[in-house]
């Protein structure tokens, strides 16, 4: 009876490890944005929705805290780049197996002037499903052309 109990507890612990590890490495939701940093009063590292549907303002709605809006006519530059990193996931098959995969991160930098005319900037990591649409919309609404980090970023941003 003790052996069965130990096996059951071991299986439960392995399942908890799998769930926690998978969640930790899941990354950014493909339709969201992550505020990486910049000069706006938003907590770094918070996820939310970046909404460009308004014709005058880009709005970031973080999951925690109040929203922040940025007037398109204050934007002085847009740049886009990618960073490929390694992501480790864990799967249960015959035991614990480490799976390695590449995860491409999409970064959008927005330069703008504040009300006092001072240069400001924000950096967002964009989910893969919103990257191309957001780039195209911001170019149209701001009148600014996106500067791409390299040819790989240009291909990803224009597909």
C-alpha atoms as a PDB file:
ATOM      1  CA  UNK A   1       0.000   0.000   0.000  1.00  0.00           C
ATOM      2  CA  UNK A   2       2.872   2.400   0.737  1.00  0.00           C
ATOM      3  CA  UNK A   3       4.410   1.711  -2.685  1.00  0.00           C
ATOM      4  CA  UNK A   4       1.160   2.588  -4.437  1.00  0.00           C
ATOM      5  CA  UNK A   5       0.846   5.768  -2.403  1.00  0.00           C
ATOM      6  CA  UNK A   6       4.436   6.819  -3.202  1.00  0.00           C
ATOM      7  CA  UNK A   7       3.888   6.181  -6.942  1.00  0.00           C
ATOM      8  CA  UNK A   8       0.640   8.173  -6.874  1.00  0.00           C
ATOM      9  CA  UNK A   9       2.325  11.100  -5.093  1.00  0.00           C
ATOM     10  CA  UNK A  10       5.262  10.950  -7.545  1.00  0.00           C
ATOM     11  CA  UNK A  11       2.880  11.024 -10.511  1.00  0.00           C
ATOM     12  CA  UNK A  12       1.005  13.960  -9.001  1.00  0.00           C
ATOM     13  CA  UNK A  13       4.237  15.884  -8.383  1.00  0.00           C
ATOM     14  CA  UNK A  14       5.376  15.214 -11.974  1.00  0.00           C
ATOM     15  CA  UNK A  15       2.043  16.508 -13.300  1.00  0.00           C
ATOM     16  CA  UNK A  16       2.331  19.678 -11.201  1.00  0.00           C
ATOM     17  CA  UNK A  17       5.897  20.192 -12.441  1.00  0.00           C
ATOM     18  CA  UNK A  18       4.729  19.771 -16.034  1.00  0.00           C
ATOM     19  CA  UNK A  19       1.909  22.278 -15.661  1.00  0.00           C
ATOM     20  CA  UNK A  20       4.069  24.872 -13.887  1.00  0.00           C
ATOM     21  CA  UNK A  21       7.018  24.533 -16.272  1.00  0.00           C
ATOM     22  CA  UNK A  22       4.826  24.685 -19.367  1.00  0.00           C
ATOM     23  CA  UNK A  23       3.064  27.805 -18.068  1.00  0.00           C
ATOM     24  CA  UNK A  24       6.367  29.449 -17.181  1.00  0.00           C
ATOM     25  CA  UNK A  25       7.756  29.000 -20.691  1.00  0.00           C
ATOM     26  CA  UNK A  26       4.534  29.570 -22.623  1.00  0.00           C
ATOM     27  CA  UNK A  27       5.512  33.153 -23.356  1.00  0.00           C
ATOM     28  CA  UNK A  28       3.401  36.048 -24.504  1.00  0.00           C
ATOM     29  CA  UNK A  29      -0.113  35.401 -25.771  1.00  0.00           C
ATOM     30  CA  UNK A  30      -0.100  35.728 -29.568  1.00  0.00           C
ATOM     31  CA  UNK A  31      -2.740  38.501 -29.549  1.00  0.00           C
ATOM     32  CA  UNK A  32      -1.322  40.617 -26.729  1.00  0.00           C
ATOM     33  CA  UNK A  33       1.488  43.057 -26.108  1.00  0.00           C
ATOM     34  CA  UNK A  34       3.994  43.246 -23.276  1.00  0.00           C
ATOM     35  CA  UNK A  35       5.268  46.622 -22.088  1.00  0.00           C
ATOM     36  CA  UNK A  36       9.038  46.106 -22.041  1.00  0.00           C
ATOM     37  CA  UNK A  37       9.962  49.611 -20.941  1.00  0.00           C
ATOM     38  CA  UNK A  38      10.120  53.249 -21.773  1.00  0.00           C
ATOM     39  CA  UNK A  39       9.065  56.609 -20.456  1.00  0.00           C
ATOM     40  CA  UNK A  40       5.325  56.145 -19.910  1.00  0.00           C
ATOM     41  CA  UNK A  41       3.804  55.565 -16.467  1.00  0.00           C
ATOM     42  CA  UNK A  42       3.143  51.833 -16.923  1.00  0.00           C
ATOM     43  CA  UNK A  43       4.735  49.028 -14.933  1.00  0.00           C
ATOM     44  CA  UNK A  44       7.403  47.226 -16.953  1.00  0.00           C
ATOM     45  CA  UNK A  45       6.625  43.621 -17.791  1.00  0.00           C
ATOM     46  CA  UNK A  46       2.852  43.975 -17.760  1.00  0.00           C
ATOM     47  CA  UNK A  47       0.802  42.319 -20.509  1.00  0.00           C
ATOM     48  CA  UNK A  48      -2.213  43.867 -22.133  1.00  0.00           C
ATOM     49  CA  UNK A  49      -3.902  44.759 -25.389  1.00  0.00           C
ATOM     50  CA  UNK A  50      -2.437  47.310 -27.762  1.00  0.00           C
ATOM     51  CA  UNK A  51      -5.386  48.916 -29.564  1.00  0.00           C
ATOM     52  CA  UNK A  52      -4.902  50.988 -32.719  1.00  0.00           C
ATOM     53  CA  UNK A  53      -8.572  51.096 -33.733  1.00  0.00           C
ATOM     54  CA  UNK A  54      -9.035  54.730 -32.637  1.00  0.00           C
ATOM     55  CA  UNK A  55      -8.182  57.207 -35.398  1.00  0.00           C
ATOM     56  CA  UNK A  56      -6.343  59.624 -33.107  1.00  0.00           C
ATOM     57  CA  UNK A  57      -4.763  57.533 -30.309  1.00  0.00           C
ATOM     58  CA  UNK A  58      -2.907  54.281 -29.782  1.00  0.00           C
ATOM     59  CA  UNK A  59      -4.159  52.759 -26.521  1.00  0.00           C
ATOM     60  CA  UNK A  60      -2.400  50.243 -24.286  1.00  0.00           C
ATOM     61  CA  UNK A  61      -4.799  48.465 -21.934  1.00  0.00           C
ATOM     62  CA  UNK A  62      -2.689  46.599 -19.381  1.00  0.00           C
ATOM     63  CA  UNK A  63      -4.219  43.661 -17.537  1.00  0.00           C
ATOM     64  CA  UNK A  64      -3.301  45.416 -14.282  1.00  0.00           C
ATOM     65  CA  UNK A  65      -3.545  49.160 -13.893  1.00  0.00           C
ATOM     66  CA  UNK A  66      -5.050  51.942 -15.943  1.00  0.00           C
ATOM     67  CA  UNK A  67      -4.826  52.360 -19.671  1.00  0.00           C
ATOM     68  CA  UNK A  68      -2.361  54.635 -21.449  1.00  0.00           C
ATOM     69  CA  UNK A  69      -3.024  56.443 -24.717  1.00  0.00           C
ATOM     70  CA  UNK A  70      -0.588  58.011 -27.151  1.00  0.00           C
ATOM     71  CA  UNK A  71      -1.616  60.478 -29.843  1.00  0.00           C
ATOM     72  CA  UNK A  72      -0.525  59.388 -33.321  1.00  0.00           C
ATOM     73  CA  UNK A  73       0.436  62.941 -34.283  1.00  0.00           C
ATOM     74  CA  UNK A  74       3.146  62.961 -31.564  1.00  0.00           C
ATOM     75  CA  UNK A  75       4.919  59.877 -32.958  1.00  0.00           C
ATOM     76  CA  UNK A  76       8.314  60.723 -34.471  1.00  0.00           C
ATOM     77  CA  UNK A  77       9.589  57.226 -35.280  1.00  0.00           C
ATOM     78  CA  UNK A  78       8.793  53.527 -35.391  1.00  0.00           C
ATOM     79  CA  UNK A  79      11.240  50.635 -35.392  1.00  0.00           C
ATOM     80  CA  UNK A  80      10.793  46.882 -35.404  1.00  0.00           C
ATOM     81  CA  UNK A  81      13.175  44.061 -34.631  1.00  0.00           C
ATOM     82  CA  UNK A  82      13.199  40.417 -33.676  1.00  0.00           C
ATOM     83  CA  UNK A  83      15.114  38.401 -31.174  1.00  0.00           C
ATOM     84  CA  UNK A  84      15.333  34.622 -31.428  1.00  0.00           C
ATOM     85  CA  UNK A  85      15.924  32.803 -28.203  1.00  0.00           C
ATOM     86  CA  UNK A  86      15.700  29.287 -26.900  1.00  0.00           C
ATOM     87  CA  UNK A  87      12.640  28.120 -25.028  1.00  0.00           C
ATOM     88  CA  UNK A  88      12.637  24.975 -22.942  1.00  0.00           C
ATOM     89  CA  UNK A  89       9.430  23.043 -22.453  1.00  0.00           C
ATOM     90  CA  UNK A  90       8.750  19.858 -20.549  1.00  0.00           C
ATOM     91  CA  UNK A  91       6.554  17.011 -21.738  1.00  0.00           C
ATOM     92  CA  UNK A  92       5.477  13.796 -20.079  1.00  0.00           C
ATOM     93  CA  UNK A  93       5.863  10.726 -22.235  1.00  0.00           C
ATOM     94  CA  UNK A  94       7.800   7.857 -20.774  1.00  0.00           C
ATOM     95  CA  UNK A  95       9.339  10.231 -18.283  1.00  0.00           C
ATOM     96  CA  UNK A  96      10.318  13.851 -18.261  1.00  0.00           C
ATOM     97  CA  UNK A  97      11.675  14.892 -21.650  1.00  0.00           C
ATOM     98  CA  UNK A  98      13.156  18.317 -22.304  1.00  0.00           C
ATOM     99  CA  UNK A  99      12.109  19.839 -25.597  1.00  0.00           C
ATOM    100  CA  UNK A 100      14.053  22.725 -27.068  1.00  0.00           C
ATOM    101  CA  UNK A 101      12.463  25.092 -29.529  1.00  0.00           C
ATOM    102  CA  UNK A 102      13.129  28.531 -30.948  1.00  0.00           C
ATOM    103  CA  UNK A 103      10.850  31.348 -29.964  1.00  0.00           C
ATOM    104  CA  UNK A 104      10.980  34.520 -31.988  1.00  0.00           C
ATOM    105  CA  UNK A 105      10.134  37.696 -30.108  1.00  0.00           C
ATOM    106  CA  UNK A 106       8.763  40.748 -31.913  1.00  0.00           C
ATOM    107  CA  UNK A 107       9.767  44.195 -30.574  1.00  0.00           C
ATOM    108  CA  UNK A 108       8.204  47.492 -31.583  1.00  0.00           C
ATOM    109  CA  UNK A 109       9.763  50.774 -30.463  1.00  0.00           C
ATOM    110  CA  UNK A 110       7.693  53.942 -30.696  1.00  0.00           C
ATOM    111  CA  UNK A 111       9.434  57.315 -30.402  1.00  0.00           C
ATOM    112  CA  UNK A 112       7.255  60.332 -29.649  1.00  0.00           C
ATOM    113  CA  UNK A 113       7.222  63.832 -28.159  1.00  0.00           C
ATOM    114  CA  UNK A 114       5.458  64.485 -24.846  1.00  0.00           C
ATOM    115  CA  UNK A 115       3.350  67.575 -24.123  1.00  0.00           C
ATOM    116  CA  UNK A 116       6.504  69.573 -23.319  1.00  0.00           C
ATOM    117  CA  UNK A 117       8.052  68.593 -26.662  1.00  0.00           C
ATOM    118  CA  UNK A 118      10.643  66.258 -25.079  1.00  0.00           C
ATOM    119  CA  UNK A 119      11.688  63.035 -26.782  1.00  0.00           C
ATOM    120  CA  UNK A 120      10.134  59.903 -25.284  1.00  0.00           C
ATOM    121  CA  UNK A 121      10.064  56.215 -26.237  1.00  0.00           C
ATOM    122  CA  UNK A 122       8.223  53.004 -25.446  1.00  0.00           C
ATOM    123  CA  UNK A 123       9.105  49.416 -26.316  1.00  0.00           C
ATOM    124  CA  UNK A 124       6.497  46.681 -26.657  1.00  0.00           C
ATOM    125  CA  UNK A 125       6.935  42.993 -27.314  1.00  0.00           C
ATOM    126  CA  UNK A 126       4.120  42.072 -29.673  1.00  0.00           C
ATOM    127  CA  UNK A 127       2.375  38.738 -29.940  1.00  0.00           C
ATOM    128  CA  UNK A 128       2.942  37.053 -33.290  1.00  0.00           C
ATOM    129  CA  UNK A 129      -0.690  37.418 -34.402  1.00  0.00           C
ATOM    130  CA  UNK A 130      -0.783  41.208 -33.990  1.00  0.00           C
ATOM    131  CA  UNK A 131       2.662  42.194 -35.270  1.00  0.00           C
ATOM    132  CA  UNK A 132       1.991  42.746 -38.987  1.00  0.00           C
ATOM    133  CA  UNK A 133      -1.378  44.416 -38.470  1.00  0.00           C
ATOM    134  CA  UNK A 134      -0.004  46.730 -35.781  1.00  0.00           C
ATOM    135  CA  UNK A 135       2.966  47.768 -37.950  1.00  0.00           C
ATOM    136  CA  UNK A 136       0.745  48.510 -40.962  1.00  0.00           C
ATOM    137  CA  UNK A 137      -1.827  50.386 -38.886  1.00  0.00           C
ATOM    138  CA  UNK A 138       0.759  52.509 -37.097  1.00  0.00           C
ATOM    139  CA  UNK A 139       2.463  53.425 -40.370  1.00  0.00           C
ATOM    140  CA  UNK A 140      -0.885  54.521 -41.802  1.00  0.00           C
ATOM    141  CA  UNK A 141      -2.055  56.442 -38.721  1.00  0.00           C
ATOM    142  CA  UNK A 142       1.258  58.146 -37.847  1.00  0.00           C
ATOM    143  CA  UNK A 143       2.621  58.790 -41.341  1.00  0.00           C
ATOM    144  CA  UNK A 144       5.942  57.310 -40.162  1.00  0.00           C
ATOM    145  CA  UNK A 145       7.726  54.477 -41.948  1.00  0.00           C
ATOM    146  CA  UNK A 146       8.930  51.614 -39.774  1.00  0.00           C
ATOM    147  CA  UNK A 147      12.684  51.175 -39.611  1.00  0.00           C
ATOM    148  CA  UNK A 148      13.512  47.476 -39.613  1.00  0.00           C
ATOM    149  CA  UNK A 149      16.416  46.097 -37.596  1.00  0.00           C
ATOM    150  CA  UNK A 150      17.495  43.790 -40.444  1.00  0.00           C
ATOM    151  CA  UNK A 151      16.218  41.908 -43.504  1.00  0.00           C
ATOM    152  CA  UNK A 152      14.809  39.090 -41.351  1.00  0.00           C
ATOM    153  CA  UNK A 153      12.694  41.603 -39.415  1.00  0.00           C
ATOM    154  CA  UNK A 154      11.615  43.262 -42.680  1.00  0.00           C
ATOM    155  CA  UNK A 155      10.367  39.907 -44.022  1.00  0.00           C
ATOM    156  CA  UNK A 156       8.483  39.101 -40.803  1.00  0.00           C
ATOM    157  CA  UNK A 157       6.941  42.570 -40.571  1.00  0.00           C
ATOM    158  CA  UNK A 158       5.766  42.657 -44.196  1.00  0.00           C
ATOM    159  CA  UNK A 159       4.360  39.163 -44.769  1.00  0.00           C
END
